[in-house]
Every structure is written in C-alpha cells, then in structure tokens.
Amino acid sequence: MTYFLEVKDEANLEIIEAFLYYEEKRIGLGEEFLEHLDAYFDRITSRPRHFPQKRKPYREAFIKRFPFLIIYQISKEKIIVYSVFNTWQNPEKKIR
C-alpha cells in the first residue's frame, strides 16, 4: 500500500530553516539535506511502520546523516508529518 504524504506547515518551516542553515554553512549542503530528507520520506511512505512508535500515535524516524528527527503519524492512507525536529535543539520543543 502506498501512502499519501502530508507535511504540516510547521514541519515545512523547520525544513526551510534547516535548508537555509546548511546552505549558509556550505553551498550545496542544503540541497544534500533535502535529498536525504526526501529519501527518508520515501522510506516512510513505503514502510511507515518500520520506524518506532515512541508516543502513540506518533512515530519517529531519525535521519542518520543530519541531526534531525521526523515525527509523523499514520492516518488511514495518509502519513502526516508534524515536525522535522533538530535534535540539537532543546528537547522540550519536540512535539508533545
């Protein structure tokens, strides 16, 4: 079963902030981040239950190359991404 991916506005803002940060560090690094993130989105939509469910109903996919955590929920035929959380931030800011 293929799932439809919905990325919430807050998660999109986090993605944009990360992209801009990495591009500022090195030109092209932001693009690498987006490519890596897209690969994880593909993995999540093809096998959404592969990643652990830390707090119901949310699952967390840790991105290995970059310090980010994708927080999502499976809802019928849809994967809803609530946050692309920078793990170097204060953990209290993580979605509750």
PDB file of N, CA and C in Angstrom:
ATOM      1  N   MET A   1       0.842  -1.187   0.000  1.00  0.00           N
ATOM      2  CA  MET A   1       0.000   0.000   0.000  1.00  0.00           C
ATOM      3  C   MET A   1       0.880   1.241   0.000  1.00  0.00           C
ATOM      4  N   THR A   2       0.572   2.174  -0.861  1.00  0.00           N
ATOM      5  CA  THR A   2       1.296   3.433  -0.905  1.00  0.00           C
ATOM      6  C   THR A   2       0.488   4.493  -0.158  1.00  0.00           C
ATOM      7  N   TYR A   3       1.168   5.249   0.638  1.00  0.00           N
ATOM      8  CA  TYR A   3       0.533   6.283   1.449  1.00  0.00           C
ATOM      9  C   TYR A   3       0.785   7.653   0.841  1.00  0.00           C
ATOM     10  N   PHE A   4      -0.176   8.537   1.031  1.00  0.00           N
ATOM     11  CA  PHE A   4      -0.048   9.926   0.631  1.00  0.00           C
ATOM     12  C   PHE A   4       0.692  10.656   1.748  1.00  0.00           C
ATOM     13  N   LEU A   5       1.648  11.524   1.405  1.00  0.00           N
ATOM     14  CA  LEU A   5       2.436  12.259   2.390  1.00  0.00           C
ATOM     15  C   LEU A   5       1.900  13.672   2.541  1.00  0.00           C
ATOM     16  N   GLU A   6       1.565  14.039   3.770  1.00  0.00           N
ATOM     17  CA  GLU A   6       1.136  15.410   4.089  1.00  0.00           C
ATOM     18  C   GLU A   6       2.130  15.985   5.088  1.00  0.00           C
ATOM     19  N   VAL A   7       2.759  17.098   4.714  1.00  0.00           N
ATOM     20  CA  VAL A   7       3.715  17.759   5.591  1.00  0.00           C
ATOM     21  C   VAL A   7       3.055  19.024   6.117  1.00  0.00           C
ATOM     22  N   LYS A   8       2.882  19.083   7.424  1.00  0.00           N
ATOM     23  CA  LYS A   8       2.229  20.234   8.052  1.00  0.00           C
ATOM     24  C   LYS A   8       3.086  21.491   7.885  1.00  0.00           C
ATOM     25  N   ASP A   9       2.437  22.655   7.986  1.00  0.00           N
ATOM     26  CA  ASP A   9       3.125  23.933   7.792  1.00  0.00           C
ATOM     27  C   ASP A   9       4.316  24.111   8.729  1.00  0.00           C
ATOM     28  N   GLU A  10       4.156  23.736   9.991  1.00  0.00           N
ATOM     29  CA  GLU A  10       5.251  23.883  10.961  1.00  0.00           C
ATOM     30  C   GLU A  10       6.466  23.051  10.537  1.00  0.00           C
ATOM     31  N   ALA A  11       6.219  21.842  10.059  1.00  0.00           N
ATOM     32  CA  ALA A  11       7.313  20.992   9.586  1.00  0.00           C
ATOM     33  C   ALA A  11       7.970  21.609   8.354  1.00  0.00           C
ATOM     34  N   ASN A  12       7.181  22.184   7.449  1.00  0.00           N
ATOM     35  CA  ASN A  12       7.746  22.858   6.273  1.00  0.00           C
ATOM     36  C   ASN A  12       8.655  24.016   6.678  1.00  0.00           C
ATOM     37  N   LEU A  13       8.239  24.771   7.688  1.00  0.00           N
ATOM     38  CA  LEU A  13       9.079  25.878   8.180  1.00  0.00           C
ATOM     39  C   LEU A  13      10.388  25.351   8.753  1.00  0.00           C
ATOM     40  N   GLU A  14      10.325  24.249   9.480  1.00  0.00           N
ATOM     41  CA  GLU A  14      11.546  23.645  10.032  1.00  0.00           C
ATOM     42  C   GLU A  14      12.473  23.179   8.918  1.00  0.00           C
ATOM     43  N   ILE A  15      11.905  22.640   7.853  1.00  0.00           N
ATOM     44  CA  ILE A  15      12.699  22.188   6.706  1.00  0.00           C
ATOM     45  C   ILE A  15      13.376  23.371   6.026  1.00  0.00           C
ATOM     46  N   ILE A  16      12.636  24.449   5.834  1.00  0.00           N
ATOM     47  CA  ILE A  16      13.195  25.652   5.204  1.00  0.00           C
ATOM     48  C   ILE A  16      14.325  26.222   6.051  1.00  0.00           C
ATOM     49  N   GLU A  17      14.113  26.299   7.372  1.00  0.00           N
ATOM     50  CA  GLU A  17      15.152  26.816   8.274  1.00  0.00           C
ATOM     51  C   GLU A  17      16.414  25.966   8.193  1.00  0.00           C
ATOM     52  N   ALA A  18      16.245  24.644   8.172  1.00  0.00           N
ATOM     53  CA  ALA A  18      17.399  23.745   8.090  1.00  0.00           C
ATOM     54  C   ALA A  18      18.122  23.923   6.757  1.00  0.00           C
ATOM     55  N   PHE A  19      17.358  24.014   5.673  1.00  0.00           N
ATOM     56  CA  PHE A  19      17.948  24.207   4.354  1.00  0.00           C
ATOM     57  C   PHE A  19      18.795  25.479   4.331  1.00  0.00           C
ATOM     58  N   LEU A  20      18.227  26.576   4.810  1.00  0.00           N
ATOM     59  CA  LEU A  20      18.946  27.856   4.811  1.00  0.00           C
ATOM     60  C   LEU A  20      20.196  27.795   5.687  1.00  0.00           C
ATOM     61  N   TYR A  21      20.086  27.144   6.829  1.00  0.00           N
ATOM     62  CA  TYR A  21      21.233  26.995   7.729  1.00  0.00           C
ATOM     63  C   TYR A  21      22.366  26.238   7.040  1.00  0.00           C
ATOM     64  N   TYR A  22      22.040  25.105   6.426  1.00  0.00           N
ATOM     65  CA  TYR A  22      23.074  24.293   5.773  1.00  0.00           C
ATOM     66  C   TYR A  22      23.651  24.977   4.539  1.00  0.00           C
ATOM     67  N   GLU A  23      22.830  25.707   3.804  1.00  0.00           N
ATOM     68  CA  GLU A  23      23.344  26.436   2.640  1.00  0.00           C
ATOM     69  C   GLU A  23      24.301  27.541   3.075  1.00  0.00           C
ATOM     70  N   GLU A  24      24.034  28.132   4.238  1.00  0.00           N
ATOM     71  CA  GLU A  24      24.920  29.167   4.763  1.00  0.00           C
ATOM     72  C   GLU A  24      26.271  28.567   5.164  1.00  0.00           C
ATOM     73  N   LYS A  25      26.240  27.335   5.670  1.00  0.00           N
ATOM     74  CA  LYS A  25      27.476  26.666   6.078  1.00  0.00           C
ATOM     75  C   LYS A  25      28.329  26.274   4.873  1.00  0.00           C
ATOM     76  N   ARG A  26      27.651  25.751   3.846  1.00  0.00           N
ATOM     77  CA  ARG A  26      28.366  25.355   2.627  1.00  0.00           C
ATOM     78  C   ARG A  26      27.360  25.274   1.489  1.00  0.00           C
ATOM     79  N   ILE A  27      27.649  25.939   0.402  1.00  0.00           N
ATOM     80  CA  ILE A  27      26.745  25.915  -0.745  1.00  0.00           C
ATOM     81  C   ILE A  27      26.601  24.478  -1.230  1.00  0.00           C
ATOM     82  N   GLY A  28      25.357  24.052  -1.387  1.00  0.00           N
ATOM     83  CA  GLY A  28      25.063  22.695  -1.820  1.00  0.00           C
ATOM     84  C   GLY A  28      24.705  21.758  -0.675  1.00  0.00           C
ATOM     85  N   LEU A  29      25.101  22.108   0.551  1.00  0.00           N
ATOM     86  CA  LEU A  29      24.793  21.254   1.695  1.00  0.00           C
ATOM     87  C   LEU A  29      23.293  21.254   1.994  1.00  0.00           C
ATOM     88  N   GLY A  30      22.634  22.376   1.766  1.00  0.00           N
ATOM     89  CA  GLY A  30      21.180  22.439   1.949  1.00  0.00           C
ATOM     90  C   GLY A  30      20.468  21.504   0.984  1.00  0.00           C
ATOM     91  N   GLU A  31      20.952  21.450  -0.253  1.00  0.00           N
ATOM     92  CA  GLU A  31      20.381  20.535  -1.243  1.00  0.00           C
ATOM     93  C   GLU A  31      20.603  19.077  -0.828  1.00  0.00           C
ATOM     94  N   GLU A  32      21.778  18.788  -0.272  1.00  0.00           N
ATOM     95  CA  GLU A  32      22.053  17.434   0.212  1.00  0.00           C
ATOM     96  C   GLU A  32      21.088  17.063   1.338  1.00  0.00           C
ATOM     97  N   PHE A  33      20.822  18.019   2.215  1.00  0.00           N
ATOM     98  CA  PHE A  33      19.863  17.797   3.300  1.00  0.00           C
ATOM     99  C   PHE A  33      18.482  17.451   2.727  1.00  0.00           C
ATOM    100  N   LEU A  34      18.025  18.236   1.744  1.00  0.00           N
ATOM    101  CA  LEU A  34      16.708  17.995   1.149  1.00  0.00           C
ATOM    102  C   LEU A  34      16.648  16.636   0.451  1.00  0.00           C
ATOM    103  N   GLU A  35      17.710  16.263  -0.240  1.00  0.00           N
ATOM    104  CA  GLU A  35      17.746  14.955  -0.908  1.00  0.00           C
ATOM    105  C   GLU A  35      17.684  13.819   0.113  1.00  0.00           C
ATOM    106  N   HIS A  36      18.429  13.986   1.200  1.00  0.00           N
ATOM    107  CA  HIS A  36      18.433  12.978   2.261  1.00  0.00           C
ATOM    108  C   HIS A  36      17.046  12.889   2.905  1.00  0.00           C
ATOM    109  N   LEU A  37      16.437  14.031   3.132  1.00  0.00           N
ATOM    110  CA  LEU A  37      15.096  14.080   3.720  1.00  0.00           C
ATOM    111  C   LEU A  37      14.078  13.415   2.797  1.00  0.00           C
ATOM    112  N   ASP A  38      14.170  13.687   1.505  1.00  0.00           N
ATOM    113  CA  ASP A  38      13.262  13.053   0.536  1.00  0.00           C
ATOM    114  C   ASP A  38      13.408  11.531   0.544  1.00  0.00           C
ATOM    115  N   ALA A  39      14.634  11.053   0.690  1.00  0.00           N
ATOM    116  CA  ALA A  39      14.853   9.606   0.754  1.00  0.00           C
ATOM    117  C   ALA A  39      14.152   9.020   1.974  1.00  0.00           C
ATOM    118  N   TYR A  40      14.200   9.728   3.088  1.00  0.00           N
ATOM    119  CA  TYR A  40      13.503   9.256   4.290  1.00  0.00           C
ATOM    120  C   TYR A  40      11.993   9.334   4.115  1.00  0.00           C
ATOM    121  N   PHE A  41      11.507  10.372   3.466  1.00  0.00           N
ATOM    122  CA  PHE A  41      10.066  10.459   3.196  1.00  0.00           C
ATOM    123  C   PHE A  41       9.621   9.275   2.337  1.00  0.00           C
ATOM    124  N   ASP A  42      10.442   8.900   1.357  1.00  0.00           N
ATOM    125  CA  ASP A  42      10.126   7.729   0.527  1.00  0.00           C
ATOM    126  C   ASP A  42      10.078   6.462   1.372  1.00  0.00           C
ATOM    127  N   ARG A  43      11.051   6.303   2.266  1.00  0.00           N
ATOM    128  CA  ARG A  43      11.065   5.127   3.148  1.00  0.00           C
ATOM    129  C   ARG A  43       9.838   5.098   4.046  1.00  0.00           C
ATOM    130  N   ILE A  44       9.467   6.265   4.568  1.00  0.00           N
ATOM    131  CA  ILE A  44       8.310   6.340   5.472  1.00  0.00           C
ATOM    132  C   ILE A  44       7.026   6.005   4.725  1.00  0.00           C
ATOM    133  N   THR A  45       6.856   6.534   3.521  1.00  0.00           N
ATOM    134  CA  THR A  45       5.617   6.267   2.785  1.00  0.00           C
ATOM    135  C   THR A  45       5.533   4.832   2.293  1.00  0.00           C
ATOM    136  N   SER A  46       6.671   4.199   2.044  1.00  0.00           N
ATOM    137  CA  SER A  46       6.622   2.815   1.582  1.00  0.00           C
ATOM    138  C   SER A  46       6.536   1.811   2.737  1.00  0.00           C
ATOM    139  N   ARG A  47       7.120   2.140   3.887  1.00  0.00           N
ATOM    140  CA  ARG A  47       7.086   1.242   5.049  1.00  0.00           C
ATOM    141  C   ARG A  47       6.890   2.061   6.327  1.00  0.00           C
ATOM    142  N   PRO A  48       5.734   2.647   6.530  1.00  0.00           N
ATOM    143  CA  PRO A  48       5.530   3.576   7.646  1.00  0.00           C
ATOM    144  C   PRO A  48       5.666   2.960   9.035  1.00  0.00           C
ATOM    145  N   ARG A  49       5.444   1.675   9.148  1.00  0.00           N
ATOM    146  CA  ARG A  49       5.526   1.036  10.468  1.00  0.00           C
ATOM    147  C   ARG A  49       6.945   0.565  10.803  1.00  0.00           C
ATOM    148  N   HIS A  50       7.869   0.807   9.912  1.00  0.00           N
ATOM    149  CA  HIS A  50       9.263   0.418  10.124  1.00  0.00           C
ATOM    150  C   HIS A  50       9.889   1.205  11.285  1.00  0.00           C
ATOM    151  N   PHE A  51       9.524   2.453  11.413  1.00  0.00           N
ATOM    152  CA  PHE A  51      10.122   3.307  12.437  1.00  0.00           C
ATOM    153  C   PHE A  51       9.339   3.197  13.741  1.00  0.00           C
ATOM    154  N   PRO A  52      10.028   3.338  14.884  1.00  0.00           N
ATOM    155  CA  PRO A  52       9.384   3.084  16.177  1.00  0.00           C
ATOM    156  C   PRO A  52       8.319   4.108  16.549  1.00  0.00           C
ATOM    157  N   GLN A  53       7.367   3.614  17.300  1.00  0.00           N
ATOM    158  CA  GLN A  53       6.305   4.463  17.838  1.00  0.00           C
ATOM    159  C   GLN A  53       6.720   4.800  19.270  1.00  0.00           C
ATOM    160  N   LYS A  54       7.188   6.024  19.458  1.00  0.00           N
ATOM    161  CA  LYS A  54       7.686   6.431  20.770  1.00  0.00           C
ATOM    162  C   LYS A  54       6.541   6.787  21.710  1.00  0.00           C
ATOM    163  N   ARG A  55       5.656   7.637  21.234  1.00  0.00           N
ATOM    164  CA  ARG A  55       4.461   8.007  21.993  1.00  0.00           C
ATOM    165  C   ARG A  55       3.286   7.927  21.042  1.00  0.00           C
ATOM    166  N   LYS A  56       2.329   7.086  21.376  1.00  0.00           N
ATOM    167  CA  LYS A  56       1.183   6.902  20.495  1.00  0.00           C
ATOM    168  C   LYS A  56       0.490   8.231  20.263  1.00  0.00           C
ATOM    169  N   PRO A  57       0.074   8.521  19.082  1.00  0.00           N
ATOM    170  CA  PRO A  57       0.152   7.751  17.836  1.00  0.00           C
ATOM    171  C   PRO A  57       1.363   8.121  16.981  1.00  0.00           C
ATOM    172  N   TYR A  58       2.356   8.790  17.559  1.00  0.00           N
ATOM    173  CA  TYR A  58       3.470   9.333  16.772  1.00  0.00           C
ATOM    174  C   TYR A  58       4.620   8.347  16.620  1.00  0.00           C
ATOM    175  N   ARG A  59       5.218   8.374  15.446  1.00  0.00           N
ATOM    176  CA  ARG A  59       6.411   7.584  15.153  1.00  0.00           C
ATOM    177  C   ARG A  59       7.556   8.550  14.878  1.00  0.00           C
ATOM    178  N   GLU A  60       8.773   8.051  15.064  1.00  0.00           N
ATOM    179  CA  GLU A  60       9.949   8.898  14.903  1.00  0.00           C
ATOM    180  C   GLU A  60      10.977   8.211  14.011  1.00  0.00           C
ATOM    181  N   ALA A  61      11.381   8.920  12.966  1.00  0.00           N
ATOM    182  CA  ALA A  61      12.428   8.428  12.065  1.00  0.00           C
ATOM    183  C   ALA A  61      13.648   9.330  12.240  1.00  0.00           C
ATOM    184  N   PHE A  62      14.720   8.755  12.765  1.00  0.00           N
ATOM    185  CA  PHE A  62      15.953   9.511  12.974  1.00  0.00           C
ATOM    186  C   PHE A  62      16.758   9.523  11.676  1.00  0.00           C
ATOM    187  N   ILE A  63      17.109  10.715  11.208  1.00  0.00           N
ATOM    188  CA  ILE A  63      17.907  10.874   9.997  1.00  0.00           C
ATOM    189  C   ILE A  63      19.379  10.722  10.388  1.00  0.00           C
ATOM    190  N   LYS A  64      20.051   9.771   9.816  1.00  0.00           N
ATOM    191  CA  LYS A  64      21.409   9.443  10.258  1.00  0.00           C
ATOM    192  C   LYS A  64      22.458  10.501   9.909  1.00  0.00           C
ATOM    193  N   ARG A  65      22.412  11.052   8.722  1.00  0.00           N
ATOM    194  CA  ARG A  65      23.475  11.979   8.316  1.00  0.00           C
ATOM    195  C   ARG A  65      23.339  13.362   8.937  1.00  0.00           C
ATOM    196  N   PHE A  66      22.119  13.786   9.167  1.00  0.00           N
ATOM    197  CA  PHE A  66      21.848  15.098   9.742  1.00  0.00           C
ATOM    198  C   PHE A  66      21.132  14.890  11.076  1.00  0.00           C
ATOM    199  N   PRO A  67      21.333  15.790  12.041  1.00  0.00           N
ATOM    200  CA  PRO A  67      20.737  15.578  13.369  1.00  0.00           C
ATOM    201  C   PRO A  67      19.254  15.964  13.434  1.00  0.00           C
ATOM    202  N   PHE A  68      18.432  15.257  12.684  1.00  0.00           N
ATOM    203  CA  PHE A  68      17.008  15.562  12.637  1.00  0.00           C
ATOM    204  C   PHE A  68      16.174  14.320  12.867  1.00  0.00           C
ATOM    205  N   LEU A  69      14.990  14.557  13.376  1.00  0.00           N
ATOM    206  CA  LEU A  69      14.033  13.506  13.671  1.00  0.00           C
ATOM    207  C   LEU A  69      12.734  13.866  12.966  1.00  0.00           C
ATOM    208  N   ILE A  70      12.198  12.957  12.183  1.00  0.00           N
ATOM    209  CA  ILE A  70      10.920  13.181  11.516  1.00  0.00           C
ATOM    210  C   ILE A  70       9.841  12.588  12.415  1.00  0.00           C
ATOM    211  N   ILE A  71       8.920  13.415  12.844  1.00  0.00           N
ATOM    212  CA  ILE A  71       7.836  12.966  13.714  1.00  0.00           C
ATOM    213  C   ILE A  71       6.566  12.930  12.877  1.00  0.00           C
ATOM    214  N   TYR A  72       5.963  11.728  12.811  1.00  0.00           N
ATOM    215  CA  TYR A  72       4.813  11.553  11.923  1.00  0.00           C
ATOM    216  C   TYR A  72       3.788  10.612  12.534  1.00  0.00           C
ATOM    217  N   GLN A  73       2.630  10.601  11.888  1.00  0.00           N
ATOM    218  CA  GLN A  73       1.518   9.747  12.307  1.00  0.00           C
ATOM    219  C   GLN A  73       0.958   9.059  11.066  1.00  0.00           C
ATOM    220  N   ILE A  74       0.539   7.812  11.237  1.00  0.00           N
ATOM    221  CA  ILE A  74      -0.124   7.086  10.162  1.00  0.00           C
ATOM    222  C   ILE A  74      -1.622   7.264  10.363  1.00  0.00           C
ATOM    223  N   SER A  75      -2.301   7.765   9.333  1.00  0.00           N
ATOM    224  CA  SER A  75      -3.739   8.004   9.418  1.00  0.00           C
ATOM    225  C   SER A  75      -4.403   7.479   8.148  1.00  0.00           C
ATOM    226  N   LYS A  76      -4.962   6.291   8.231  1.00  0.00           N
ATOM    227  CA  LYS A  76      -5.595   5.618   7.092  1.00  0.00           C
ATOM    228  C   LYS A  76      -4.619   5.505   5.933  1.00  0.00           C
ATOM    229  N   GLU A  77      -4.848   6.222   4.823  1.00  0.00           N
ATOM    230  CA  GLU A  77      -3.962   6.151   3.657  1.00  0.00           C
ATOM    231  C   GLU A  77      -2.975   7.312   3.625  1.00  0.00           C
ATOM    232  N   LYS A  78      -2.800   7.978   4.757  1.00  0.00           N
ATOM    233  CA  LYS A  78      -2.005   9.193   4.785  1.00  0.00           C
ATOM    234  C   LYS A  78      -0.931   9.122   5.867  1.00  0.00           C
ATOM    235  N   ILE A  79       0.215   9.684   5.562  1.00  0.00           N
ATOM    236  CA  ILE A  79       1.282   9.890   6.536  1.00  0.00           C
ATOM    237  C   ILE A  79       1.305  11.390   6.794  1.00  0.00           C
ATOM    238  N   ILE A  80       1.127  11.775   8.038  1.00  0.00           N
ATOM    239  CA  ILE A  80       1.125  13.196   8.392  1.00  0.00           C
ATOM    240  C   ILE A  80       2.419  13.499   9.134  1.00  0.00           C
ATOM    241  N   VAL A  81       3.241  14.385   8.556  1.00  0.00           N
ATOM    242  CA  VAL A  81       4.499  14.791   9.176  1.00  0.00           C
ATOM    243  C   VAL A  81       4.223  16.069   9.964  1.00  0.00           C
ATOM    244  N   TYR A  82       4.419  15.975  11.273  1.00  0.00           N
ATOM    245  CA  TYR A  82       4.162  17.108  12.150  1.00  0.00           C
ATOM    246  C   TYR A  82       5.405  17.945  12.411  1.00  0.00           C
ATOM    247  N   SER A  83       6.567  17.302  12.369  1.00  0.00           N
ATOM    248  CA  SER A  83       7.786  18.031  12.690  1.00  0.00           C
ATOM    249  C   SER A  83       8.985  17.353  12.040  1.00  0.00           C
ATOM    250  N   VAL A  84       9.929  18.175  11.619  1.00  0.00           N
ATOM    251  CA  VAL A  84      11.256  17.721  11.230  1.00  0.00           C
ATOM    252  C   VAL A  84      12.158  18.426  12.240  1.00  0.00           C
ATOM    253  N   PHE A  85      12.350  17.735  13.358  1.00  0.00           N
ATOM    254  CA  PHE A  85      12.913  18.321  14.565  1.00  0.00           C
ATOM    255  C   PHE A  85      14.433  18.221  14.598  1.00  0.00           C
ATOM    256  N   ASN A  86      15.084  19.350  14.859  1.00  0.00           N
ATOM    257  CA  ASN A  86      16.531  19.389  15.012  1.00  0.00           C
ATOM    258  C   ASN A  86      16.867  18.861  16.403  1.00  0.00           C
ATOM    259  N   THR A  87      17.543  17.729  16.480  1.00  0.00           N
ATOM    260  CA  THR A  87      17.820  17.100  17.773  1.00  0.00           C
ATOM    261  C   THR A  87      18.851  17.859  18.594  1.00  0.00           C
ATOM    262  N   TRP A  88      19.504  18.841  17.996  1.00  0.00           N
ATOM    263  CA  TRP A  88      20.435  19.671  18.760  1.00  0.00           C
ATOM    264  C   TRP A  88      19.708  20.773  19.500  1.00  0.00           C
ATOM    265  N   GLN A  89      18.417  20.926  19.252  1.00  0.00           N
ATOM    266  CA  GLN A  89      17.614  21.916  19.962  1.00  0.00           C
ATOM    267  C   GLN A  89      17.217  21.369  21.320  1.00  0.00           C
ATOM    268  N   ASN A  90      16.595  22.216  22.089  1.00  0.00           N
ATOM    269  CA  ASN A  90      16.060  21.834  23.385  1.00  0.00           C
ATOM    270  C   ASN A  90      14.988  20.765  23.174  1.00  0.00           C
ATOM    271  N   PRO A  91      15.127  19.593  23.785  1.00  0.00           N
ATOM    272  CA  PRO A  91      14.148  18.522  23.585  1.00  0.00           C
ATOM    273  C   PRO A  91      12.737  18.877  24.060  1.00  0.00           C
ATOM    274  N   GLU A  92      12.617  19.889  24.885  1.00  0.00           N
ATOM    275  CA  GLU A  92      11.298  20.323  25.352  1.00  0.00           C
ATOM    276  C   GLU A  92      10.466  20.895  24.197  1.00  0.00           C
ATOM    277  N   LYS A  93      11.138  21.313  23.121  1.00  0.00           N
ATOM    278  CA  LYS A  93      10.434  21.890  21.983  1.00  0.00           C
ATOM    279  C   LYS A  93       9.823  20.829  21.079  1.00  0.00           C
ATOM    280  N   LYS A  94      10.225  19.565  21.302  1.00  0.00           N
ATOM    281  CA  LYS A  94       9.711  18.471  20.478  1.00  0.00           C
ATOM    282  C   LYS A  94       8.207  18.371  20.672  1.00  0.00           C
ATOM    283  N   ILE A  95       7.520  17.974  19.608  1.00  0.00           N
ATOM    284  CA  ILE A  95       6.058  17.890  19.629  1.00  0.00           C
ATOM    285  C   ILE A  95       5.592  17.046  20.815  1.00  0.00           C
ATOM    286  N   ARG A  96       4.543  17.467  21.433  1.00  0.00           N
ATOM    287  CA  ARG A  96       4.014  16.771  22.617  1.00  0.00           C
ATOM    288  C   ARG A  96       2.832  15.945  22.211  1.00  0.00           C
TER     289      ARG A  96
END
